[in-house]
Amino acid sequence: MGVNIAELQAYLAEHYKDRATEQGLFMKLVEEVGEVAEVLNKRAGRKASSENDLAVDLAEELADIIHYVVGIAAINDLDLEQTILDKDKRAAIKYNHERNLSDFLAEKGETDE
């Protein structure tokens, strides 16, 4: 089972409806960014590490970051999926990329069929 950004955004809009503020979600986001930094420091040997699987820890902290970013978009009724596609198109032009995310997805769709 997979999830796309629009589905996650709809779920979080429902989950946080009348319960969360953008400031509160942003503070949680910042906290999670710090936790990613901690895991990366452990992976680099700059910080003592327990026996935990650091790859699992990193994946979980990154998932938390995605959760709060999408949550902020959700409570503000932003179309994050379209914004990502539009912003990537502009970046592809600016940085002379061979293809943009929309083209990648279109090509992927052709090969998945």
Protein backbone atom coordinates (compact mmCIF):
# COMPACT_ATOMS: atom_id res chain seq x y z
CA MET A 1 0.00 0.00 0.00
CA GLY A 2 1.30 3.42 -0.91
CA VAL A 3 0.26 6.96 -0.15
CA ASN A 4 0.52 10.09 -2.21
CA ILE A 5 0.85 13.64 -0.99
CA ALA A 6 -2.77 14.56 -1.73
CA GLU A 7 -4.03 11.58 0.29
CA LEU A 8 -1.75 12.36 3.21
CA GLN A 9 -2.80 16.00 3.05
CA ALA A 10 -6.51 15.08 3.12
CA TYR A 11 -5.93 12.74 6.07
CA LEU A 12 -3.98 15.38 8.02
CA ALA A 13 -6.55 18.08 7.24
CA GLU A 14 -9.16 15.84 8.83
CA HIS A 15 -6.84 14.82 11.68
CA TYR A 16 -5.83 18.38 12.60
CA LYS A 17 -9.16 20.07 11.87
CA ASP A 18 -9.84 22.52 14.71
CA ARG A 19 -7.00 21.00 16.76
CA ALA A 20 -3.75 22.42 15.43
CA THR A 21 -2.24 25.75 14.52
CA GLU A 22 0.41 26.36 11.92
CA GLN A 23 2.68 27.68 14.68
CA GLY A 24 2.23 24.51 16.74
CA LEU A 25 2.90 22.26 13.76
CA PHE A 26 5.92 24.35 12.81
CA MET A 27 7.39 23.98 16.30
CA LYS A 28 6.98 20.20 15.98
CA LEU A 29 8.65 20.37 12.55
CA VAL A 30 11.64 22.20 13.99
CA GLU A 31 11.88 19.62 16.77
CA GLU A 32 11.89 16.81 14.21
CA VAL A 33 14.60 18.53 12.14
CA GLY A 34 16.73 18.52 15.29
CA GLU A 35 16.09 14.81 15.69
CA VAL A 36 17.23 14.19 12.11
CA ALA A 37 20.40 16.16 12.89
CA GLU A 38 20.97 13.96 15.93
CA VAL A 39 20.65 10.76 13.90
CA LEU A 40 22.96 12.12 11.19
CA ASN A 41 25.53 13.05 13.84
CA LYS A 42 25.37 9.48 15.18
CA ARG A 43 25.76 8.05 11.68
CA ALA A 44 28.82 10.26 11.12
CA GLY A 45 30.35 9.20 14.45
CA ARG A 46 30.16 12.69 15.94
CA LYS A 47 27.78 11.54 18.65
CA ALA A 48 27.58 8.36 20.71
CA SER A 49 25.10 5.85 19.38
CA SER A 50 23.03 3.17 21.05
CA GLU A 51 22.32 -0.19 19.49
CA ASN A 52 19.37 1.25 17.51
CA ASP A 53 19.27 0.79 13.75
CA LEU A 54 20.21 4.29 12.62
CA ALA A 55 18.74 3.76 9.13
CA VAL A 56 15.36 2.99 10.73
CA ASP A 57 15.73 5.97 13.07
CA LEU A 58 16.54 8.25 10.14
CA ALA A 59 13.58 7.00 8.10
CA GLU A 60 11.22 7.56 11.03
CA GLU A 61 12.48 11.08 11.71
CA LEU A 62 12.23 11.99 8.02
CA ALA A 63 8.67 10.62 8.01
CA ASP A 64 7.91 12.91 10.96
CA ILE A 65 9.24 15.90 9.01
CA ILE A 66 7.05 15.02 6.03
CA HIS A 67 4.07 14.64 8.38
CA TYR A 68 4.43 18.13 9.82
CA VAL A 69 5.24 19.82 6.49
CA VAL A 70 2.18 18.27 4.88
CA GLY A 71 0.15 19.05 8.00
CA ILE A 72 1.00 22.74 7.74
CA ALA A 73 -0.05 22.70 4.08
CA ALA A 74 -3.23 20.80 4.97
CA ILE A 75 -4.50 23.21 7.62
CA ASN A 76 -3.79 26.09 5.26
CA ASP A 77 -5.63 24.39 2.37
CA LEU A 78 -2.61 24.58 0.06
CA ASP A 79 -2.25 22.33 -2.98
CA LEU A 80 1.14 20.97 -2.04
CA GLU A 81 1.26 18.41 -4.86
CA GLN A 82 0.74 21.04 -7.57
CA THR A 83 3.13 23.43 -5.85
CA ILE A 84 5.86 20.76 -5.83
CA LEU A 85 5.35 20.11 -9.55
CA ASP A 86 5.33 23.81 -10.43
CA LYS A 87 8.36 24.62 -8.31
CA ASP A 88 10.29 21.68 -9.75
CA LYS A 89 9.54 22.85 -13.31
CA ARG A 90 10.96 26.29 -12.48
CA ALA A 91 14.03 24.73 -10.83
CA ALA A 92 14.62 22.45 -13.81
CA ILE A 93 14.69 25.47 -16.09
CA LYS A 94 16.82 27.54 -13.73
CA TYR A 95 19.40 24.79 -13.18
CA ASN A 96 19.29 23.31 -16.70
CA HIS A 97 18.10 19.85 -15.64
CA GLU A 98 17.50 17.36 -18.40
CA ARG A 99 13.94 16.72 -17.20
CA ASN A 100 11.58 17.85 -14.52
CA LEU A 101 9.43 15.88 -12.09
CA SER A 102 6.35 16.08 -14.32
CA ASP A 103 8.30 14.57 -17.22
CA PHE A 104 9.76 11.90 -14.92
CA LEU A 105 6.29 10.93 -13.73
CA ALA A 106 4.96 10.85 -17.29
CA GLU A 107 7.83 8.62 -18.40
CA LYS A 108 7.38 6.39 -15.36
CA GLY A 109 3.68 6.07 -16.13
CA GLU A 110 4.49 4.93 -19.65
CA THR A 111 6.82 2.19 -18.39
CA ASP A 112 4.47 1.05 -15.59
CA GLU A 113 1.68 0.21 -18.01
